[in-house]
């Protein structure tokens, strides 16, 4: 089982690690700061630096799969093509330093937090989400029209208000008693450990609270200038809001 250090600290950019497996999927470590694709958020990129100084570029991060194709608790770091010679020299037990591409990760954190602001501005169920370094989208279960300028202004106001973003948790029983906490129609919060991780935006004023396993900024002021670039009617009951950066 890979220890996922990013869950507790999204600002940690590197960590020491040991190779626990080398598979057709990629490199598995005992612990990592790399976030794997999930919950609509893209997997991290970066590098693994060996004690010798050799660096292996990582282009994506995914959850490992078992023989039946089901996700496991291990996290796989996928090397960029053309590094086969470097990979041949790796061995289970090798020590290295895992380093994420921080500029890319920070853009993902800013976008992901912005989608939580949209959940406040448009309080309807979410039936799809995609968060990349270049843009993000949220698919909303609704039929009413939306206005780009109004939403952009609403996001800007929440960013300027500098709301803190904090992590917490609820028990499975508490979540069952308050199902409205779950905003997503397509992704269910992970259960089984007894506790479900939550993300709260706002302190005195509650802006958003929901189960979420992604990475986020610590304060909405850190988001910067995000605009709604497009609103699409994807179906009779779905409106897609697309976000982009101005900086």
C-alpha atoms as a PDB file:
ATOM      1  CA  UNK A   1       0.000   0.000   0.000  1.00  0.00           C
ATOM      2  CA  UNK A   2       1.461   3.359  -1.059  1.00  0.00           C
ATOM      3  CA  UNK A   3       1.284   6.022   1.660  1.00  0.00           C
ATOM      4  CA  UNK A   4      -0.401   9.025   0.034  1.00  0.00           C
ATOM      5  CA  UNK A   5       1.322  12.034   1.613  1.00  0.00           C
ATOM      6  CA  UNK A   6      -0.578  14.523  -0.581  1.00  0.00           C
ATOM      7  CA  UNK A   7      -3.796  13.780   1.311  1.00  0.00           C
ATOM      8  CA  UNK A   8      -2.560  15.557   4.423  1.00  0.00           C
ATOM      9  CA  UNK A   9      -0.322  18.166   2.772  1.00  0.00           C
ATOM     10  CA  UNK A  10      -1.003  19.252  -0.813  1.00  0.00           C
ATOM     11  CA  UNK A  11       1.899  21.732  -0.592  1.00  0.00           C
ATOM     12  CA  UNK A  12       4.563  19.102  -0.060  1.00  0.00           C
ATOM     13  CA  UNK A  13       6.549  18.958  -3.309  1.00  0.00           C
ATOM     14  CA  UNK A  14       8.925  16.064  -2.669  1.00  0.00           C
ATOM     15  CA  UNK A  15       9.594  13.121  -0.384  1.00  0.00           C
ATOM     16  CA  UNK A  16      12.077  10.284   0.078  1.00  0.00           C
ATOM     17  CA  UNK A  17      10.741   6.956  -1.140  1.00  0.00           C
ATOM     18  CA  UNK A  18      11.657   3.338  -1.810  1.00  0.00           C
ATOM     19  CA  UNK A  19      10.672   1.327  -4.870  1.00  0.00           C
ATOM     20  CA  UNK A  20       8.339  -1.492  -3.823  1.00  0.00           C
ATOM     21  CA  UNK A  21       7.390  -2.794  -7.282  1.00  0.00           C
ATOM     22  CA  UNK A  22       8.264  -2.406 -10.972  1.00  0.00           C
ATOM     23  CA  UNK A  23       5.332  -3.380 -13.146  1.00  0.00           C
ATOM     24  CA  UNK A  24       4.125  -3.055 -16.720  1.00  0.00           C
ATOM     25  CA  UNK A  25       2.081  -0.097 -15.448  1.00  0.00           C
ATOM     26  CA  UNK A  26       5.067   1.770 -13.981  1.00  0.00           C
ATOM     27  CA  UNK A  27       6.919   2.384 -10.710  1.00  0.00           C
ATOM     28  CA  UNK A  28       5.316   1.771  -7.303  1.00  0.00           C
ATOM     29  CA  UNK A  29       6.741   3.474  -4.205  1.00  0.00           C
ATOM     30  CA  UNK A  30       6.228   2.973  -0.484  1.00  0.00           C
ATOM     31  CA  UNK A  31       5.118   6.622  -0.168  1.00  0.00           C
ATOM     32  CA  UNK A  32       4.554   9.495  -2.575  1.00  0.00           C
ATOM     33  CA  UNK A  33       3.572  13.129  -3.016  1.00  0.00           C
ATOM     34  CA  UNK A  34       2.190  12.339  -6.501  1.00  0.00           C
ATOM     35  CA  UNK A  35      -1.602  12.522  -6.785  1.00  0.00           C
ATOM     36  CA  UNK A  36      -3.074   9.749  -8.982  1.00  0.00           C
ATOM     37  CA  UNK A  37      -5.815  10.416 -11.512  1.00  0.00           C
ATOM     38  CA  UNK A  38      -9.155  10.351  -9.697  1.00  0.00           C
ATOM     39  CA  UNK A  39     -12.245  12.317  -8.807  1.00  0.00           C
ATOM     40  CA  UNK A  40     -11.935  14.197 -12.069  1.00  0.00           C
ATOM     41  CA  UNK A  41      -8.465  15.563 -11.221  1.00  0.00           C
ATOM     42  CA  UNK A  42      -5.532  14.743 -13.500  1.00  0.00           C
ATOM     43  CA  UNK A  43      -2.630  12.739 -12.145  1.00  0.00           C
ATOM     44  CA  UNK A  44       0.604  14.511 -11.222  1.00  0.00           C
ATOM     45  CA  UNK A  45       3.754  14.731 -13.332  1.00  0.00           C
ATOM     46  CA  UNK A  46       7.313  15.307 -12.141  1.00  0.00           C
ATOM     47  CA  UNK A  47      10.462  13.239 -11.645  1.00  0.00           C
ATOM     48  CA  UNK A  48      12.011  10.486  -9.553  1.00  0.00           C
ATOM     49  CA  UNK A  49      15.636  11.274  -8.669  1.00  0.00           C
ATOM     50  CA  UNK A  50      17.912   8.390  -7.732  1.00  0.00           C
ATOM     51  CA  UNK A  51      20.775   8.648  -5.262  1.00  0.00           C
ATOM     52  CA  UNK A  52      23.143   8.678  -8.274  1.00  0.00           C
ATOM     53  CA  UNK A  53      21.520  11.870  -9.538  1.00  0.00           C
ATOM     54  CA  UNK A  54      19.769  10.131 -12.431  1.00  0.00           C
ATOM     55  CA  UNK A  55      16.282  11.550 -12.971  1.00  0.00           C
ATOM     56  CA  UNK A  56      13.359   9.627 -14.425  1.00  0.00           C
ATOM     57  CA  UNK A  57      10.667  11.883 -15.846  1.00  0.00           C
ATOM     58  CA  UNK A  58       7.124  10.963 -14.771  1.00  0.00           C
ATOM     59  CA  UNK A  59       4.320  11.988 -17.143  1.00  0.00           C
ATOM     60  CA  UNK A  60       1.318  10.674 -15.241  1.00  0.00           C
ATOM     61  CA  UNK A  61       0.247   9.015 -12.010  1.00  0.00           C
ATOM     62  CA  UNK A  62      -2.487   6.392 -11.698  1.00  0.00           C
ATOM     63  CA  UNK A  63      -3.906   3.948  -9.196  1.00  0.00           C
ATOM     64  CA  UNK A  64      -2.448   0.486  -9.705  1.00  0.00           C
ATOM     65  CA  UNK A  65      -4.754  -2.262 -10.954  1.00  0.00           C
ATOM     66  CA  UNK A  66      -4.886  -5.908 -10.017  1.00  0.00           C
ATOM     67  CA  UNK A  67      -5.080  -8.868 -12.397  1.00  0.00           C
ATOM     68  CA  UNK A  68      -8.827  -8.297 -12.810  1.00  0.00           C
ATOM     69  CA  UNK A  69      -8.303  -4.639 -13.672  1.00  0.00           C
ATOM     70  CA  UNK A  70      -9.633  -3.343 -10.363  1.00  0.00           C
ATOM     71  CA  UNK A  71      -7.878  -0.399  -8.640  1.00  0.00           C
ATOM     72  CA  UNK A  72      -5.704  -1.189  -5.630  1.00  0.00           C
ATOM     73  CA  UNK A  73      -4.229   0.913  -2.823  1.00  0.00           C
ATOM     74  CA  UNK A  74      -0.893   1.203  -4.651  1.00  0.00           C
ATOM     75  CA  UNK A  75       0.000   4.243  -6.766  1.00  0.00           C
ATOM     76  CA  UNK A  76       1.852   3.879 -10.069  1.00  0.00           C
ATOM     77  CA  UNK A  77       4.232   6.524 -11.422  1.00  0.00           C
ATOM     78  CA  UNK A  78       4.288   6.321 -15.223  1.00  0.00           C
ATOM     79  CA  UNK A  79       7.661   7.122 -16.855  1.00  0.00           C
ATOM     80  CA  UNK A  80       7.868   9.243 -19.979  1.00  0.00           C
ATOM     81  CA  UNK A  81       8.641   7.267 -23.165  1.00  0.00           C
ATOM     82  CA  UNK A  82      12.268   6.833 -24.198  1.00  0.00           C
ATOM     83  CA  UNK A  83      13.653   6.018 -20.731  1.00  0.00           C
ATOM     84  CA  UNK A  84      13.806   2.247 -21.120  1.00  0.00           C
ATOM     85  CA  UNK A  85      17.572   2.119 -20.443  1.00  0.00           C
ATOM     86  CA  UNK A  86      17.108   3.966 -17.159  1.00  0.00           C
ATOM     87  CA  UNK A  87      14.219   1.709 -16.195  1.00  0.00           C
ATOM     88  CA  UNK A  88      16.339  -1.398 -16.802  1.00  0.00           C
ATOM     89  CA  UNK A  89      18.718  -0.243 -14.064  1.00  0.00           C
ATOM     90  CA  UNK A  90      15.997   0.139 -11.416  1.00  0.00           C
ATOM     91  CA  UNK A  91      15.559  -2.457  -8.681  1.00  0.00           C
ATOM     92  CA  UNK A  92      12.988  -3.035  -5.957  1.00  0.00           C
ATOM     93  CA  UNK A  93      14.442  -1.545  -2.780  1.00  0.00           C
ATOM     94  CA  UNK A  94      16.172   1.364  -4.523  1.00  0.00           C
ATOM     95  CA  UNK A  95      15.902   4.666  -2.673  1.00  0.00           C
ATOM     96  CA  UNK A  96      15.005   7.880  -4.470  1.00  0.00           C
ATOM     97  CA  UNK A  97      13.364  11.278  -4.106  1.00  0.00           C
ATOM     98  CA  UNK A  98       9.899  11.797  -5.618  1.00  0.00           C
ATOM     99  CA  UNK A  99       9.438  15.361  -6.905  1.00  0.00           C
ATOM    100  CA  UNK A 100       6.219  16.718  -8.397  1.00  0.00           C
ATOM    101  CA  UNK A 101       5.979  19.411 -11.050  1.00  0.00           C
ATOM    102  CA  UNK A 102       4.836  22.072  -8.566  1.00  0.00           C
ATOM    103  CA  UNK A 103       3.728  24.713 -11.078  1.00  0.00           C
ATOM    104  CA  UNK A 104       1.451  22.143 -12.743  1.00  0.00           C
ATOM    105  CA  UNK A 105       0.120  20.829  -9.423  1.00  0.00           C
ATOM    106  CA  UNK A 106      -0.614  24.333  -8.155  1.00  0.00           C
ATOM    107  CA  UNK A 107      -2.752  25.056 -11.218  1.00  0.00           C
ATOM    108  CA  UNK A 108      -4.690  21.845 -10.519  1.00  0.00           C
ATOM    109  CA  UNK A 109      -5.176  22.913  -6.894  1.00  0.00           C
ATOM    110  CA  UNK A 110      -6.450  26.350  -7.933  1.00  0.00           C
ATOM    111  CA  UNK A 111      -8.878  24.906 -10.463  1.00  0.00           C
ATOM    112  CA  UNK A 112     -10.098  22.180  -8.104  1.00  0.00           C
ATOM    113  CA  UNK A 113     -10.865  24.707  -5.389  1.00  0.00           C
ATOM    114  CA  UNK A 114     -12.715  26.842  -7.936  1.00  0.00           C
ATOM    115  CA  UNK A 115     -15.050  23.946  -8.721  1.00  0.00           C
ATOM    116  CA  UNK A 116     -16.042  23.993  -5.041  1.00  0.00           C
ATOM    117  CA  UNK A 117     -16.898  27.673  -5.408  1.00  0.00           C
ATOM    118  CA  UNK A 118     -19.108  26.807  -8.370  1.00  0.00           C
ATOM    119  CA  UNK A 119     -20.939  24.284  -6.185  1.00  0.00           C
ATOM    120  CA  UNK A 120     -21.776  27.210  -3.905  1.00  0.00           C
ATOM    121  CA  UNK A 121     -22.820  29.535  -6.727  1.00  0.00           C
ATOM    122  CA  UNK A 122     -24.881  26.837  -8.464  1.00  0.00           C
ATOM    123  CA  UNK A 123     -26.276  24.566  -5.711  1.00  0.00           C
ATOM    124  CA  UNK A 124     -27.355  21.625  -7.865  1.00  0.00           C
ATOM    125  CA  UNK A 125     -26.024  18.048  -8.186  1.00  0.00           C
ATOM    126  CA  UNK A 126     -22.792  17.549 -10.148  1.00  0.00           C
ATOM    127  CA  UNK A 127     -22.765  14.768 -12.745  1.00  0.00           C
ATOM    128  CA  UNK A 128     -19.272  15.185 -14.165  1.00  0.00           C
ATOM    129  CA  UNK A 129     -15.977  16.928 -13.552  1.00  0.00           C
ATOM    130  CA  UNK A 130     -12.594  17.285 -15.240  1.00  0.00           C
ATOM    131  CA  UNK A 131      -9.640  19.204 -13.789  1.00  0.00           C
ATOM    132  CA  UNK A 132      -6.504  19.663 -15.906  1.00  0.00           C
ATOM    133  CA  UNK A 133      -3.632  22.168 -15.665  1.00  0.00           C
ATOM    134  CA  UNK A 134      -5.084  24.206 -18.544  1.00  0.00           C
ATOM    135  CA  UNK A 135      -8.817  24.188 -17.904  1.00  0.00           C
ATOM    136  CA  UNK A 136     -11.508  22.656 -15.755  1.00  0.00           C
ATOM    137  CA  UNK A 137     -15.144  21.804 -16.320  1.00  0.00           C
ATOM    138  CA  UNK A 138     -18.106  20.997 -14.138  1.00  0.00           C
ATOM    139  CA  UNK A 139     -21.222  19.280 -15.488  1.00  0.00           C
ATOM    140  CA  UNK A 140     -24.308  20.334 -13.554  1.00  0.00           C
ATOM    141  CA  UNK A 141     -27.653  18.571 -13.344  1.00  0.00           C
ATOM    142  CA  UNK A 142     -29.990  21.437 -14.234  1.00  0.00           C
ATOM    143  CA  UNK A 143     -32.116  22.957 -16.980  1.00  0.00           C
ATOM    144  CA  UNK A 144     -31.965  26.677 -16.158  1.00  0.00           C
ATOM    145  CA  UNK A 145     -29.703  28.907 -18.292  1.00  0.00           C
ATOM    146  CA  UNK A 146     -26.423  30.199 -16.860  1.00  0.00           C
ATOM    147  CA  UNK A 147     -24.564  33.441 -17.531  1.00  0.00           C
ATOM    148  CA  UNK A 148     -20.769  33.501 -17.937  1.00  0.00           C
ATOM    149  CA  UNK A 149     -20.270  37.029 -16.661  1.00  0.00           C
ATOM    150  CA  UNK A 150     -22.445  36.496 -13.595  1.00  0.00           C
ATOM    151  CA  UNK A 151     -20.572  33.325 -12.626  1.00  0.00           C
ATOM    152  CA  UNK A 152     -17.159  34.909 -13.275  1.00  0.00           C
ATOM    153  CA  UNK A 153     -18.107  37.823 -11.009  1.00  0.00           C
ATOM    154  CA  UNK A 154     -19.341  35.407  -8.341  1.00  0.00           C
ATOM    155  CA  UNK A 155     -16.057  33.479  -8.432  1.00  0.00           C
ATOM    156  CA  UNK A 156     -14.055  36.716  -8.237  1.00  0.00           C
ATOM    157  CA  UNK A 157     -15.989  37.826  -5.153  1.00  0.00           C
ATOM    158  CA  UNK A 158     -15.358  34.519  -3.361  1.00  0.00           C
ATOM    159  CA  UNK A 159     -11.678  34.665  -4.295  1.00  0.00           C
ATOM    160  CA  UNK A 160     -11.378  38.244  -3.028  1.00  0.00           C
ATOM    161  CA  UNK A 161     -13.111  37.300   0.246  1.00  0.00           C
ATOM    162  CA  UNK A 162     -10.070  35.109   1.083  1.00  0.00           C
ATOM    163  CA  UNK A 163     -12.024  32.213   2.564  1.00  0.00           C
ATOM    164  CA  UNK A 164      -9.857  29.569   4.274  1.00  0.00           C
ATOM    165  CA  UNK A 165      -9.978  26.043   2.876  1.00  0.00           C
ATOM    166  CA  UNK A 166      -9.604  23.301   5.488  1.00  0.00           C
ATOM    167  CA  UNK A 167      -9.622  19.514   5.623  1.00  0.00           C
ATOM    168  CA  UNK A 168     -11.802  17.500   7.958  1.00  0.00           C
ATOM    169  CA  UNK A 169     -13.653  14.227   8.098  1.00  0.00           C
ATOM    170  CA  UNK A 170     -17.020  12.703   8.845  1.00  0.00           C
ATOM    171  CA  UNK A 171     -17.878   9.181   9.849  1.00  0.00           C
ATOM    172  CA  UNK A 172     -19.713   6.884   7.473  1.00  0.00           C
ATOM    173  CA  UNK A 173     -22.705   7.148   9.796  1.00  0.00           C
ATOM    174  CA  UNK A 174     -22.603  10.968   9.740  1.00  0.00           C
ATOM    175  CA  UNK A 175     -22.469  10.935   5.962  1.00  0.00           C
ATOM    176  CA  UNK A 176     -25.410   8.538   5.804  1.00  0.00           C
ATOM    177  CA  UNK A 177     -27.352  10.895   8.076  1.00  0.00           C
ATOM    178  CA  UNK A 178     -26.535  13.902   5.878  1.00  0.00           C
ATOM    179  CA  UNK A 179     -26.509  12.672   2.256  1.00  0.00           C
ATOM    180  CA  UNK A 180     -26.775  16.264   0.962  1.00  0.00           C
ATOM    181  CA  UNK A 181     -23.042  16.630   1.696  1.00  0.00           C
ATOM    182  CA  UNK A 182     -22.362  14.537  -1.411  1.00  0.00           C
ATOM    183  CA  UNK A 183     -22.645  16.861  -4.417  1.00  0.00           C
ATOM    184  CA  UNK A 184     -21.509  14.397  -7.072  1.00  0.00           C
ATOM    185  CA  UNK A 185     -23.914  12.074  -8.842  1.00  0.00           C
ATOM    186  CA  UNK A 186     -21.133  10.149 -10.605  1.00  0.00           C
ATOM    187  CA  UNK A 187     -18.425   9.677  -7.930  1.00  0.00           C
ATOM    188  CA  UNK A 188     -19.154   8.183  -4.522  1.00  0.00           C
ATOM    189  CA  UNK A 189     -16.926   9.006  -1.530  1.00  0.00           C
ATOM    190  CA  UNK A 190     -14.624   6.130  -0.535  1.00  0.00           C
ATOM    191  CA  UNK A 191     -15.988   4.197   2.409  1.00  0.00           C
ATOM    192  CA  UNK A 192     -14.775   1.333   4.512  1.00  0.00           C
ATOM    193  CA  UNK A 193     -12.200   2.995   6.757  1.00  0.00           C
ATOM    194  CA  UNK A 194     -14.911   4.497   8.966  1.00  0.00           C
ATOM    195  CA  UNK A 195     -13.957   8.089   8.096  1.00  0.00           C
ATOM    196  CA  UNK A 196     -14.562  10.106   4.933  1.00  0.00           C
ATOM    197  CA  UNK A 197     -12.283  13.066   4.123  1.00  0.00           C
ATOM    198  CA  UNK A 198     -14.038  16.402   3.658  1.00  0.00           C
ATOM    199  CA  UNK A 199     -13.049  19.804   2.274  1.00  0.00           C
ATOM    200  CA  UNK A 200     -14.590  22.942   3.760  1.00  0.00           C
ATOM    201  CA  UNK A 201     -14.455  26.383   2.158  1.00  0.00           C
ATOM    202  CA  UNK A 202     -15.154  29.199   4.602  1.00  0.00           C
ATOM    203  CA  UNK A 203     -14.785  29.565   8.335  1.00  0.00           C
ATOM    204  CA  UNK A 204     -17.367  31.932   9.849  1.00  0.00           C
ATOM    205  CA  UNK A 205     -19.347  31.778   6.611  1.00  0.00           C
ATOM    206  CA  UNK A 206     -19.770  28.290   5.156  1.00  0.00           C
ATOM    207  CA  UNK A 207     -19.230  28.467   1.407  1.00  0.00           C
ATOM    208  CA  UNK A 208     -18.946  24.750   0.633  1.00  0.00           C
ATOM    209  CA  UNK A 209     -18.536  21.474   2.503  1.00  0.00           C
ATOM    210  CA  UNK A 210     -18.341  18.117   0.800  1.00  0.00           C
ATOM    211  CA  UNK A 211     -16.379  14.847   0.707  1.00  0.00           C
ATOM    212  CA  UNK A 212     -13.369  15.207  -1.603  1.00  0.00           C
ATOM    213  CA  UNK A 213     -10.030  13.471  -1.999  1.00  0.00           C
ATOM    214  CA  UNK A 214      -8.353  15.979  -4.322  1.00  0.00           C
ATOM    215  CA  UNK A 215      -5.767  18.682  -3.721  1.00  0.00           C
ATOM    216  CA  UNK A 216      -6.764  22.280  -2.928  1.00  0.00           C
ATOM    217  CA  UNK A 217      -5.259  25.651  -2.077  1.00  0.00           C
ATOM    218  CA  UNK A 218      -5.356  26.767   1.559  1.00  0.00           C
ATOM    219  CA  UNK A 219      -7.252  29.988   0.878  1.00  0.00           C
ATOM    220  CA  UNK A 220      -9.503  31.125  -1.961  1.00  0.00           C
ATOM    221  CA  UNK A 221      -7.325  34.235  -2.434  1.00  0.00           C
ATOM    222  CA  UNK A 222      -4.650  31.914  -3.808  1.00  0.00           C
ATOM    223  CA  UNK A 223      -6.866  30.927  -6.742  1.00  0.00           C
ATOM    224  CA  UNK A 224      -6.180  34.127  -8.642  1.00  0.00           C
ATOM    225  CA  UNK A 225      -8.074  35.191 -11.717  1.00  0.00           C
ATOM    226  CA  UNK A 226     -10.323  32.420 -13.005  1.00  0.00           C
ATOM    227  CA  UNK A 227     -13.033  33.047 -15.579  1.00  0.00           C
ATOM    228  CA  UNK A 228     -15.909  31.067 -17.038  1.00  0.00           C
ATOM    229  CA  UNK A 229     -14.856  30.645 -20.668  1.00  0.00           C
ATOM    230  CA  UNK A 230     -17.816  28.640 -21.928  1.00  0.00           C
ATOM    231  CA  UNK A 231     -21.244  27.340 -20.938  1.00  0.00           C
ATOM    232  CA  UNK A 232     -22.625  24.424 -22.938  1.00  0.00           C
ATOM    233  CA  UNK A 233     -25.908  22.563 -22.981  1.00  0.00           C
ATOM    234  CA  UNK A 234     -24.714  18.950 -22.970  1.00  0.00           C
ATOM    235  CA  UNK A 235     -28.162  17.396 -22.662  1.00  0.00           C
ATOM    236  CA  UNK A 236     -31.697  18.321 -21.700  1.00  0.00           C
ATOM    237  CA  UNK A 237     -30.695  18.158 -18.026  1.00  0.00           C
ATOM    238  CA  UNK A 238     -26.971  18.989 -18.098  1.00  0.00           C
ATOM    239  CA  UNK A 239     -25.169  22.316 -18.305  1.00  0.00           C
ATOM    240  CA  UNK A 240     -21.364  22.334 -18.618  1.00  0.00           C
ATOM    241  CA  UNK A 241     -19.333  25.200 -17.142  1.00  0.00           C
ATOM    242  CA  UNK A 242     -15.759  25.503 -18.439  1.00  0.00           C
ATOM    243  CA  UNK A 243     -13.115  27.444 -16.479  1.00  0.00           C
ATOM    244  CA  UNK A 244      -9.860  29.059 -17.563  1.00  0.00           C
ATOM    245  CA  UNK A 245      -7.088  31.189 -16.069  1.00  0.00           C
ATOM    246  CA  UNK A 246      -6.374  34.821 -16.867  1.00  0.00           C
ATOM    247  CA  UNK A 247      -2.826  34.496 -15.434  1.00  0.00           C
END
